[in-house]
All heavy atoms as atom14 arrays in JSON, in Angstrom:
{
  "sequence": "LTQSISNASFGIFFPKFTGTIYEVLSAPVSWLEVVIGYVGAAATK",
  "atom14_mask": [
    [1, 1, 1, 1, 1, 1, 1, 1, 0, 0, 0, 0, 0, 0],
    [1, 1, 1, 1, 1, 1, 1, 0, 0, 0, 0, 0, 0, 0],
    [1, 1, 1, 1, 1, 1, 1, 1, 1, 0, 0, 0, 0, 0],
    [1, 1, 1, 1, 1, 1, 0, 0, 0, 0, 0, 0, 0, 0],
    [1, 1, 1, 1, 1, 1, 1, 1, 0, 0, 0, 0, 0, 0],
    [1, 1, 1, 1, 1, 1, 0, 0, 0, 0, 0, 0, 0, 0],
    [1, 1, 1, 1, 1, 1, 1, 1, 0, 0, 0, 0, 0, 0],
    [1, 1, 1, 1, 1, 0, 0, 0, 0, 0, 0, 0, 0, 0],
    [1, 1, 1, 1, 1, 1, 0, 0, 0, 0, 0, 0, 0, 0],
    [1, 1, 1, 1, 1, 1, 1, 1, 1, 1, 1, 0, 0, 0],
    [1, 1, 1, 1, 0, 0, 0, 0, 0, 0, 0, 0, 0, 0],
    [1, 1, 1, 1, 1, 1, 1, 1, 0, 0, 0, 0, 0, 0],
    [1, 1, 1, 1, 1, 1, 1, 1, 1, 1, 1, 0, 0, 0],
    [1, 1, 1, 1, 1, 1, 1, 1, 1, 1, 1, 0, 0, 0],
    [1, 1, 1, 1, 1, 1, 1, 0, 0, 0, 0, 0, 0, 0],
    [1, 1, 1, 1, 1, 1, 1, 1, 1, 0, 0, 0, 0, 0],
    [1, 1, 1, 1, 1, 1, 1, 1, 1, 1, 1, 0, 0, 0],
    [1, 1, 1, 1, 1, 1, 1, 0, 0, 0, 0, 0, 0, 0],
    [1, 1, 1, 1, 0, 0, 0, 0, 0, 0, 0, 0, 0, 0],
    [1, 1, 1, 1, 1, 1, 1, 0, 0, 0, 0, 0, 0, 0],
    [1, 1, 1, 1, 1, 1, 1, 1, 0, 0, 0, 0, 0, 0],
    [1, 1, 1, 1, 1, 1, 1, 1, 1, 1, 1, 1, 0, 0],
    [1, 1, 1, 1, 1, 1, 1, 1, 1, 0, 0, 0, 0, 0],
    [1, 1, 1, 1, 1, 1, 1, 0, 0, 0, 0, 0, 0, 0],
    [1, 1, 1, 1, 1, 1, 1, 1, 0, 0, 0, 0, 0, 0],
    [1, 1, 1, 1, 1, 1, 0, 0, 0, 0, 0, 0, 0, 0],
    [1, 1, 1, 1, 1, 0, 0, 0, 0, 0, 0, 0, 0, 0],
    [1, 1, 1, 1, 1, 1, 1, 0, 0, 0, 0, 0, 0, 0],
    [1, 1, 1, 1, 1, 1, 1, 0, 0, 0, 0, 0, 0, 0],
    [1, 1, 1, 1, 1, 1, 0, 0, 0, 0, 0, 0, 0, 0],
    [1, 1, 1, 1, 1, 1, 1, 1, 1, 1, 1, 1, 1, 1],
    [1, 1, 1, 1, 1, 1, 1, 1, 0, 0, 0, 0, 0, 0],
    [1, 1, 1, 1, 1, 1, 1, 1, 1, 0, 0, 0, 0, 0],
    [1, 1, 1, 1, 1, 1, 1, 0, 0, 0, 0, 0, 0, 0],
    [1, 1, 1, 1, 1, 1, 1, 0, 0, 0, 0, 0, 0, 0],
    [1, 1, 1, 1, 1, 1, 1, 1, 0, 0, 0, 0, 0, 0],
    [1, 1, 1, 1, 0, 0, 0, 0, 0, 0, 0, 0, 0, 0],
    [1, 1, 1, 1, 1, 1, 1, 1, 1, 1, 1, 1, 0, 0],
    [1, 1, 1, 1, 1, 1, 1, 0, 0, 0, 0, 0, 0, 0],
    [1, 1, 1, 1, 0, 0, 0, 0, 0, 0, 0, 0, 0, 0],
    [1, 1, 1, 1, 1, 0, 0, 0, 0, 0, 0, 0, 0, 0],
    [1, 1, 1, 1, 1, 0, 0, 0, 0, 0, 0, 0, 0, 0],
    [1, 1, 1, 1, 1, 0, 0, 0, 0, 0, 0, 0, 0, 0],
    [1, 1, 1, 1, 1, 1, 1, 0, 0, 0, 0, 0, 0, 0],
    [1, 1, 1, 1, 1, 1, 1, 1, 1, 0, 0, 0, 0, 0]
  ],
  "atom14_positions": [
    [[-41.09, 110.68, -43.88], [-41.82, 109.65, -44.63], [-41.28, 109.52, -46.05], [-41.03, 108.4, -46.53], [-43.32, 109.99, -44.66], [-44.06, 110.0, -43.33], [-45.55, 110.2, -43.56], [-43.82, 108.71, -42.56], [0.0, 0.0, 0.0], [0.0, 0.0, 0.0], [0.0, 0.0, 0.0], [0.0, 0.0, 0.0], [0.0, 0.0, 0.0], [0.0, 0.0, 0.0]],
    [[-41.13, 110.64, -46.73], [-40.68, 110.58, -48.12], [-39.25, 110.06, -48.23], [-38.96, 109.24, -49.11], [-40.78, 111.97, -48.78], [-40.07, 112.93, -47.98], [-42.23, 112.41, -48.9], [0.0, 0.0, 0.0], [0.0, 0.0, 0.0], [0.0, 0.0, 0.0], [0.0, 0.0, 0.0], [0.0, 0.0, 0.0], [0.0, 0.0, 0.0], [0.0, 0.0, 0.0]],
    [[-38.38, 110.49, -47.34], [-36.99, 110.04, -47.4], [-36.84, 108.59, -46.97], [-36.0, 107.86, -47.5], [-36.11, 110.94, -46.53], [-35.93, 112.34, -47.07], [-35.27, 112.36, -48.44], [-34.28, 111.67, -48.67], [-35.82, 113.15, -49.35], [0.0, 0.0, 0.0], [0.0, 0.0, 0.0], [0.0, 0.0, 0.0], [0.0, 0.0, 0.0], [0.0, 0.0, 0.0]],
    [[-37.64, 108.14, -46.0], [-37.59, 106.74, -45.57], [-37.96, 105.82, -46.72], [-37.27, 104.82, -46.99], [-38.54, 106.51, -44.39], [-38.11, 107.2, -43.24], [0.0, 0.0, 0.0], [0.0, 0.0, 0.0], [0.0, 0.0, 0.0], [0.0, 0.0, 0.0], [0.0, 0.0, 0.0], [0.0, 0.0, 0.0], [0.0, 0.0, 0.0], [0.0, 0.0, 0.0]],
    [[-39.04, 106.16, -47.41], [-39.47, 105.33, -48.54], [-38.44, 105.39, -49.67], [-38.09, 104.36, -50.25], [-40.85, 105.8, -49.05], [-41.91, 105.55, -47.96], [-41.23, 105.08, -50.33], [-43.27, 106.11, -48.31], [0.0, 0.0, 0.0], [0.0, 0.0, 0.0], [0.0, 0.0, 0.0], [0.0, 0.0, 0.0], [0.0, 0.0, 0.0], [0.0, 0.0, 0.0]],
    [[-37.95, 106.58, -49.96], [-36.99, 106.74, -51.05], [-35.68, 106.0, -50.77], [-35.16, 105.28, -51.64], [-36.72, 108.24, -51.27], [-35.72, 108.43, -52.24], [0.0, 0.0, 0.0], [0.0, 0.0, 0.0], [0.0, 0.0, 0.0], [0.0, 0.0, 0.0], [0.0, 0.0, 0.0], [0.0, 0.0, 0.0], [0.0, 0.0, 0.0], [0.0, 0.0, 0.0]],
    [[-35.14, 106.17, -49.58], [-33.86, 105.53, -49.24], [-33.95, 104.01, -49.3], [-33.09, 103.34, -49.88], [-33.42, 105.95, -47.83], [-32.97, 107.4, -47.77], [-32.5, 107.95, -48.75], [-33.13, 108.02, -46.61], [0.0, 0.0, 0.0], [0.0, 0.0, 0.0], [0.0, 0.0, 0.0], [0.0, 0.0, 0.0], [0.0, 0.0, 0.0], [0.0, 0.0, 0.0]],
    [[-35.0, 103.46, -48.69], [-35.12, 102.0, -48.63], [-35.47, 101.39, -49.98], [-34.94, 100.34, -50.34], [-36.17, 101.62, -47.58], [0.0, 0.0, 0.0], [0.0, 0.0, 0.0], [0.0, 0.0, 0.0], [0.0, 0.0, 0.0], [0.0, 0.0, 0.0], [0.0, 0.0, 0.0], [0.0, 0.0, 0.0], [0.0, 0.0, 0.0], [0.0, 0.0, 0.0]],
    [[-36.37, 102.04, -50.73], [-36.78, 101.48, -52.02], [-35.62, 101.49, -53.01], [-35.4, 100.5, -53.72], [-37.98, 102.26, -52.57], [-37.65, 103.62, -52.79], [0.0, 0.0, 0.0], [0.0, 0.0, 0.0], [0.0, 0.0, 0.0], [0.0, 0.0, 0.0], [0.0, 0.0, 0.0], [0.0, 0.0, 0.0], [0.0, 0.0, 0.0], [0.0, 0.0, 0.0]],
    [[-34.88, 102.6, -53.07], [-33.76, 102.66, -54.01], [-32.64, 101.72, -53.57], [-31.94, 101.16, -54.42], [-33.23, 104.09, -54.1], [-32.22, 104.28, -55.19], [-32.62, 104.44, -56.51], [-30.86, 104.3, -54.91], [-31.69, 104.6, -57.52], [-29.92, 104.47, -55.91], [-30.34, 104.62, -57.22], [0.0, 0.0, 0.0], [0.0, 0.0, 0.0], [0.0, 0.0, 0.0]],
    [[-32.47, 101.55, -52.24], [-31.4, 100.69, -51.73], [-31.52, 99.26, -52.21], [-30.51, 98.61, -52.51], [0.0, 0.0, 0.0], [0.0, 0.0, 0.0], [0.0, 0.0, 0.0], [0.0, 0.0, 0.0], [0.0, 0.0, 0.0], [0.0, 0.0, 0.0], [0.0, 0.0, 0.0], [0.0, 0.0, 0.0], [0.0, 0.0, 0.0], [0.0, 0.0, 0.0]],
    [[-32.76, 98.73, -52.3], [-32.93, 97.35, -52.75], [-33.22, 97.27, -54.25], [-32.95, 96.26, -54.89], [-34.05, 96.65, -51.94], [-34.09, 95.15, -52.22], [-35.41, 97.29, -52.25], [-32.84, 94.41, -51.81], [0.0, 0.0, 0.0], [0.0, 0.0, 0.0], [0.0, 0.0, 0.0], [0.0, 0.0, 0.0], [0.0, 0.0, 0.0], [0.0, 0.0, 0.0]],
    [[-33.78, 98.34, -54.82], [-34.09, 98.33, -56.26], [-32.82, 98.38, -57.1], [-32.74, 97.7, -58.13], [-34.99, 99.52, -56.62], [-35.25, 99.64, -58.1], [-36.21, 98.85, -58.71], [-34.53, 100.53, -58.89], [-36.45, 98.94, -60.08], [-34.76, 100.63, -60.25], [-35.72, 99.83, -60.85], [0.0, 0.0, 0.0], [0.0, 0.0, 0.0], [0.0, 0.0, 0.0]],
    [[-31.84, 99.16, -56.68], [-30.62, 99.32, -57.5], [-29.86, 98.0, -57.66], [-29.41, 97.69, -58.77], [-29.72, 100.38, -56.88], [-28.63, 100.84, -57.8], [-28.91, 101.62, -58.91], [-27.31, 100.49, -57.56], [-27.91, 102.02, -59.77], [-26.3, 100.89, -58.4], [-26.59, 101.66, -59.52], [0.0, 0.0, 0.0], [0.0, 0.0, 0.0], [0.0, 0.0, 0.0]],
    [[-29.7, 97.17, -56.59], [-29.08, 95.86, -56.82], [-29.88, 94.98, -57.79], [-29.29, 94.22, -58.56], [-29.06, 95.24, -55.41], [-29.05, 96.4, -54.49], [-29.89, 97.43, -55.16], [0.0, 0.0, 0.0], [0.0, 0.0, 0.0], [0.0, 0.0, 0.0], [0.0, 0.0, 0.0], [0.0, 0.0, 0.0], [0.0, 0.0, 0.0], [0.0, 0.0, 0.0]],
    [[-31.22, 95.09, -57.76], [-32.02, 94.36, -58.75], [-31.75, 94.86, -60.16], [-31.61, 94.09, -61.1], [-33.51, 94.55, -58.43], [-34.05, 93.72, -57.28], [-35.52, 94.03, -57.07], [-36.31, 93.91, -58.34], [-37.71, 94.32, -58.2], [0.0, 0.0, 0.0], [0.0, 0.0, 0.0], [0.0, 0.0, 0.0], [0.0, 0.0, 0.0], [0.0, 0.0, 0.0]],
    [[-31.65, 96.18, -60.27], [-31.47, 96.81, -61.58], [-30.11, 96.45, -62.19], [-29.99, 96.21, -63.39], [-31.61, 98.32, -61.44], [-31.46, 99.09, -62.71], [-32.48, 99.12, -63.65], [-30.3, 99.8, -62.98], [-32.35, 99.82, -64.84], [-30.15, 100.51, -64.16], [-31.19, 100.52, -65.1], [0.0, 0.0, 0.0], [0.0, 0.0, 0.0], [0.0, 0.0, 0.0]],
    [[-29.07, 96.4, -61.35], [-27.72, 96.12, -61.84], [-27.4, 94.63, -61.85], [-26.39, 94.22, -62.43], [-26.69, 96.85, -60.97], [-26.82, 96.43, -59.6], [-26.89, 98.36, -61.06], [0.0, 0.0, 0.0], [0.0, 0.0, 0.0], [0.0, 0.0, 0.0], [0.0, 0.0, 0.0], [0.0, 0.0, 0.0], [0.0, 0.0, 0.0], [0.0, 0.0, 0.0]],
    [[-28.21, 93.82, -61.18], [-27.97, 92.38, -61.14], [-27.14, 91.92, -59.97], [-26.92, 90.72, -59.79], [0.0, 0.0, 0.0], [0.0, 0.0, 0.0], [0.0, 0.0, 0.0], [0.0, 0.0, 0.0], [0.0, 0.0, 0.0], [0.0, 0.0, 0.0], [0.0, 0.0, 0.0], [0.0, 0.0, 0.0], [0.0, 0.0, 0.0], [0.0, 0.0, 0.0]],
    [[-26.7, 92.85, -59.11], [-25.88, 92.45, -57.96], [-26.72, 91.83, -56.85], [-26.16, 91.38, -55.84], [-25.11, 93.66, -57.4], [-26.03, 94.7, -57.08], [-24.1, 94.17, -58.4], [0.0, 0.0, 0.0], [0.0, 0.0, 0.0], [0.0, 0.0, 0.0], [0.0, 0.0, 0.0], [0.0, 0.0, 0.0], [0.0, 0.0, 0.0], [0.0, 0.0, 0.0]],
    [[-28.06, 91.79, -57.02], [-28.91, 91.17, -56.01], [-28.58, 89.68, -55.87], [-28.77, 89.09, -54.81], [-30.4, 91.36, -56.39], [-31.33, 90.87, -55.27], [-30.72, 90.61, -57.69], [-31.26, 91.67, -54.03], [0.0, 0.0, 0.0], [0.0, 0.0, 0.0], [0.0, 0.0, 0.0], [0.0, 0.0, 0.0], [0.0, 0.0, 0.0], [0.0, 0.0, 0.0]],
    [[-28.04, 89.07, -56.94], [-27.71, 87.65, -56.89], [-26.6, 87.36, -55.89], [-26.53, 86.27, -55.32], [-27.33, 87.16, -58.28], [-28.47, 87.19, -59.26], [-28.54, 88.17, -60.25], [-29.49, 86.26, -59.19], [-29.59, 88.22, -61.13], [-30.55, 86.3, -60.07], [-30.6, 87.28, -61.05], [-31.66, 87.32, -61.91], [0.0, 0.0, 0.0], [0.0, 0.0, 0.0]],
    [[-25.71, 88.33, -55.67], [-24.67, 88.16, -54.67], [-25.27, 88.05, -53.28], [-24.8, 87.27, -52.45], [-23.69, 89.33, -54.74], [-22.96, 89.44, -56.07], [-22.03, 90.64, -56.1], [-21.87, 91.3, -55.05], [-21.45, 90.92, -57.17], [0.0, 0.0, 0.0], [0.0, 0.0, 0.0], [0.0, 0.0, 0.0], [0.0, 0.0, 0.0], [0.0, 0.0, 0.0]],
    [[-26.31, 88.85, -53.03], [-26.97, 88.81, -51.72], [-27.76, 87.51, -51.58], [-27.72, 86.86, -50.53], [-27.91, 90.03, -51.56], [-28.66, 89.96, -50.24], [-27.11, 91.32, -51.66], [0.0, 0.0, 0.0], [0.0, 0.0, 0.0], [0.0, 0.0, 0.0], [0.0, 0.0, 0.0], [0.0, 0.0, 0.0], [0.0, 0.0, 0.0], [0.0, 0.0, 0.0]],
    [[-28.48, 87.11, -52.64], [-29.32, 85.92, -52.57], [-28.5, 84.64, -52.44], [-28.96, 83.65, -51.85], [-30.21, 85.83, -53.81], [-31.25, 86.95, -53.98], [-31.99, 86.79, -55.3], [-32.22, 86.96, -52.82], [0.0, 0.0, 0.0], [0.0, 0.0, 0.0], [0.0, 0.0, 0.0], [0.0, 0.0, 0.0], [0.0, 0.0, 0.0], [0.0, 0.0, 0.0]],
    [[-27.29, 84.64, -52.99], [-26.44, 83.44, -52.92], [-25.58, 83.39, -51.67], [-24.98, 82.35, -51.38], [-25.54, 83.36, -54.16], [-24.68, 84.5, -54.21], [0.0, 0.0, 0.0], [0.0, 0.0, 0.0], [0.0, 0.0, 0.0], [0.0, 0.0, 0.0], [0.0, 0.0, 0.0], [0.0, 0.0, 0.0], [0.0, 0.0, 0.0], [0.0, 0.0, 0.0]],
    [[-25.51, 84.48, -50.93], [-24.7, 84.53, -49.71], [-25.41, 83.78, -48.58], [-26.65, 83.68, -48.56], [-24.45, 85.98, -49.31], [0.0, 0.0, 0.0], [0.0, 0.0, 0.0], [0.0, 0.0, 0.0], [0.0, 0.0, 0.0], [0.0, 0.0, 0.0], [0.0, 0.0, 0.0], [0.0, 0.0, 0.0], [0.0, 0.0, 0.0], [0.0, 0.0, 0.0]],
    [[-24.66, 83.27, -47.61], [-25.27, 82.54, -46.47], [-25.85, 83.5, -45.43], [-25.41, 83.57, -44.28], [-24.09, 81.75, -45.92], [-22.89, 82.6, -46.22], [-23.18, 83.23, -47.56], [0.0, 0.0, 0.0], [0.0, 0.0, 0.0], [0.0, 0.0, 0.0], [0.0, 0.0, 0.0], [0.0, 0.0, 0.0], [0.0, 0.0, 0.0], [0.0, 0.0, 0.0]],
    [[-26.85, 84.26, -45.85], [-27.52, 85.19, -44.94], [-29.02, 84.97, -45.03], [-29.55, 84.61, -46.09], [-27.19, 86.67, -45.28], [-25.74, 86.98, -45.01], [-27.54, 86.99, -46.73], [0.0, 0.0, 0.0], [0.0, 0.0, 0.0], [0.0, 0.0, 0.0], [0.0, 0.0, 0.0], [0.0, 0.0, 0.0], [0.0, 0.0, 0.0], [0.0, 0.0, 0.0]],
    [[-29.7, 85.15, -43.92], [-31.15, 84.98, -43.9], [-31.84, 86.24, -44.38], [-31.23, 87.31, -44.49], [-31.61, 84.64, -42.47], [-31.42, 85.76, -41.62], [0.0, 0.0, 0.0], [0.0, 0.0, 0.0], [0.0, 0.0, 0.0], [0.0, 0.0, 0.0], [0.0, 0.0, 0.0], [0.0, 0.0, 0.0], [0.0, 0.0, 0.0], [0.0, 0.0, 0.0]],
    [[-33.15, 86.13, -44.64], [-33.93, 87.28, -45.09], [-33.94, 88.36, -44.02], [-33.9, 89.55, -44.33], [-35.36, 86.86, -45.43], [-36.19, 86.46, -44.23], [-36.29, 85.22, -43.68], [-37.02, 87.32, -43.45], [-37.12, 85.23, -42.59], [-37.59, 86.52, -42.43], [-37.34, 88.67, -43.5], [-38.47, 87.03, -41.47], [-38.21, 89.18, -42.54], [-38.76, 88.38, -41.54]],
    [[-33.95, 87.94, -42.74], [-33.99, 88.91, -41.65], [-32.71, 89.73, -41.6], [-32.73, 90.95, -41.38], [-34.22, 88.2, -40.32], [-34.36, 89.09, -39.09], [-35.54, 90.05, -39.24], [-34.52, 88.24, -37.83], [0.0, 0.0, 0.0], [0.0, 0.0, 0.0], [0.0, 0.0, 0.0], [0.0, 0.0, 0.0], [0.0, 0.0, 0.0], [0.0, 0.0, 0.0]],
    [[-31.57, 89.09, -41.84], [-30.29, 89.8, -41.82], [-30.18, 90.79, -42.98], [-29.64, 91.88, -42.82], [-29.15, 88.78, -41.86], [-29.06, 87.94, -40.6], [-28.31, 86.62, -40.8], [-27.99, 86.31, -41.97], [-28.06, 85.92, -39.81], [0.0, 0.0, 0.0], [0.0, 0.0, 0.0], [0.0, 0.0, 0.0], [0.0, 0.0, 0.0], [0.0, 0.0, 0.0]],
    [[-30.7, 90.41, -44.14], [-30.71, 91.32, -45.29], [-31.57, 92.53, -44.99], [-31.18, 93.68, -45.25], [-31.23, 90.59, -46.55], [-31.4, 91.58, -47.7], [-30.28, 89.48, -46.95], [0.0, 0.0, 0.0], [0.0, 0.0, 0.0], [0.0, 0.0, 0.0], [0.0, 0.0, 0.0], [0.0, 0.0, 0.0], [0.0, 0.0, 0.0], [0.0, 0.0, 0.0]],
    [[-32.75, 92.29, -44.41], [-33.67, 93.38, -44.09], [-33.06, 94.31, -43.04], [-33.14, 95.54, -43.16], [-35.02, 92.83, -43.6], [-35.91, 93.95, -43.06], [-35.74, 92.11, -44.72], [0.0, 0.0, 0.0], [0.0, 0.0, 0.0], [0.0, 0.0, 0.0], [0.0, 0.0, 0.0], [0.0, 0.0, 0.0], [0.0, 0.0, 0.0], [0.0, 0.0, 0.0]],
    [[-32.45, 93.74, -42.02], [-31.84, 94.57, -40.97], [-30.76, 95.47, -41.56], [-30.64, 96.65, -41.21], [-31.26, 93.69, -39.84], [-32.38, 93.01, -39.06], [-30.41, 94.53, -38.88], [-31.89, 92.01, -38.02], [0.0, 0.0, 0.0], [0.0, 0.0, 0.0], [0.0, 0.0, 0.0], [0.0, 0.0, 0.0], [0.0, 0.0, 0.0], [0.0, 0.0, 0.0]],
    [[-29.96, 94.93, -42.46], [-28.89, 95.71, -43.08], [-29.41, 96.86, -43.92], [-29.02, 98.02, -43.71], [0.0, 0.0, 0.0], [0.0, 0.0, 0.0], [0.0, 0.0, 0.0], [0.0, 0.0, 0.0], [0.0, 0.0, 0.0], [0.0, 0.0, 0.0], [0.0, 0.0, 0.0], [0.0, 0.0, 0.0], [0.0, 0.0, 0.0], [0.0, 0.0, 0.0]],
    [[-30.32, 96.56, -44.84], [-30.85, 97.6, -45.74], [-31.75, 98.58, -45.01], [-31.61, 99.8, -45.14], [-31.62, 96.95, -46.89], [-30.74, 96.45, -48.01], [-30.53, 95.08, -48.19], [-30.13, 97.34, -48.89], [-29.72, 94.62, -49.23], [-29.33, 96.88, -49.93], [-29.13, 95.52, -50.08], [-28.33, 95.07, -51.1], [0.0, 0.0, 0.0], [0.0, 0.0, 0.0]],
    [[-32.69, 98.06, -44.24], [-33.65, 98.93, -43.54], [-32.95, 99.71, -42.43], [-33.26, 100.88, -42.18], [-34.82, 98.11, -42.98], [-35.73, 98.96, -42.09], [-35.64, 97.52, -44.13], [0.0, 0.0, 0.0], [0.0, 0.0, 0.0], [0.0, 0.0, 0.0], [0.0, 0.0, 0.0], [0.0, 0.0, 0.0], [0.0, 0.0, 0.0], [0.0, 0.0, 0.0]],
    [[-31.99, 99.07, -41.76], [-31.25, 99.78, -40.71], [-30.49, 100.98, -41.25], [-30.5, 102.06, -40.64], [0.0, 0.0, 0.0], [0.0, 0.0, 0.0], [0.0, 0.0, 0.0], [0.0, 0.0, 0.0], [0.0, 0.0, 0.0], [0.0, 0.0, 0.0], [0.0, 0.0, 0.0], [0.0, 0.0, 0.0], [0.0, 0.0, 0.0], [0.0, 0.0, 0.0]],
    [[-29.86, 100.81, -42.41], [-29.13, 101.93, -43.02], [-30.1, 103.03, -43.46], [-29.85, 104.22, -43.23], [-28.32, 101.43, -44.21], [0.0, 0.0, 0.0], [0.0, 0.0, 0.0], [0.0, 0.0, 0.0], [0.0, 0.0, 0.0], [0.0, 0.0, 0.0], [0.0, 0.0, 0.0], [0.0, 0.0, 0.0], [0.0, 0.0, 0.0], [0.0, 0.0, 0.0]],
    [[-31.21, 102.64, -44.1], [-32.19, 103.62, -44.55], [-32.8, 104.38, -43.38], [-32.99, 105.6, -43.44], [-33.28, 102.93, -45.37], [0.0, 0.0, 0.0], [0.0, 0.0, 0.0], [0.0, 0.0, 0.0], [0.0, 0.0, 0.0], [0.0, 0.0, 0.0], [0.0, 0.0, 0.0], [0.0, 0.0, 0.0], [0.0, 0.0, 0.0], [0.0, 0.0, 0.0]],
    [[-33.1, 103.66, -42.29], [-33.67, 104.32, -41.11], [-32.67, 105.25, -40.45], [-33.04, 106.33, -39.97], [-34.14, 103.26, -40.11], [0.0, 0.0, 0.0], [0.0, 0.0, 0.0], [0.0, 0.0, 0.0], [0.0, 0.0, 0.0], [0.0, 0.0, 0.0], [0.0, 0.0, 0.0], [0.0, 0.0, 0.0], [0.0, 0.0, 0.0], [0.0, 0.0, 0.0]],
    [[-31.41, 104.87, -40.43], [-30.37, 105.75, -39.87], [-30.3, 107.06, -40.63], [-30.23, 108.15, -40.04], [-29.0, 105.04, -39.91], [-29.07, 103.84, -39.15], [-27.91, 105.95, -39.33], [0.0, 0.0, 0.0], [0.0, 0.0, 0.0], [0.0, 0.0, 0.0], [0.0, 0.0, 0.0], [0.0, 0.0, 0.0], [0.0, 0.0, 0.0], [0.0, 0.0, 0.0]],
    [[-30.32, 106.97, -41.97], [-30.28, 108.18, -42.8], [-31.52, 109.04, -42.57], [-31.43, 110.27, -42.49], [-30.14, 107.78, -44.27], [-28.79, 107.18, -44.62], [-28.71, 106.84, -46.1], [-29.35, 105.51, -46.41], [-29.14, 105.08, -47.8], [0.0, 0.0, 0.0], [0.0, 0.0, 0.0], [0.0, 0.0, 0.0], [0.0, 0.0, 0.0], [0.0, 0.0, 0.0]]
  ]
}
């Protein structure tokens, strides 16, 4: 539980913090594809 929350929260927070989230938002990808990528990696870990 603790690692799932930590991995996923930091994974999306860090792009917000550094400003690279705009690259994801401007890319031709849907919200579902973004979630699958970030959450899939966090769940794997």
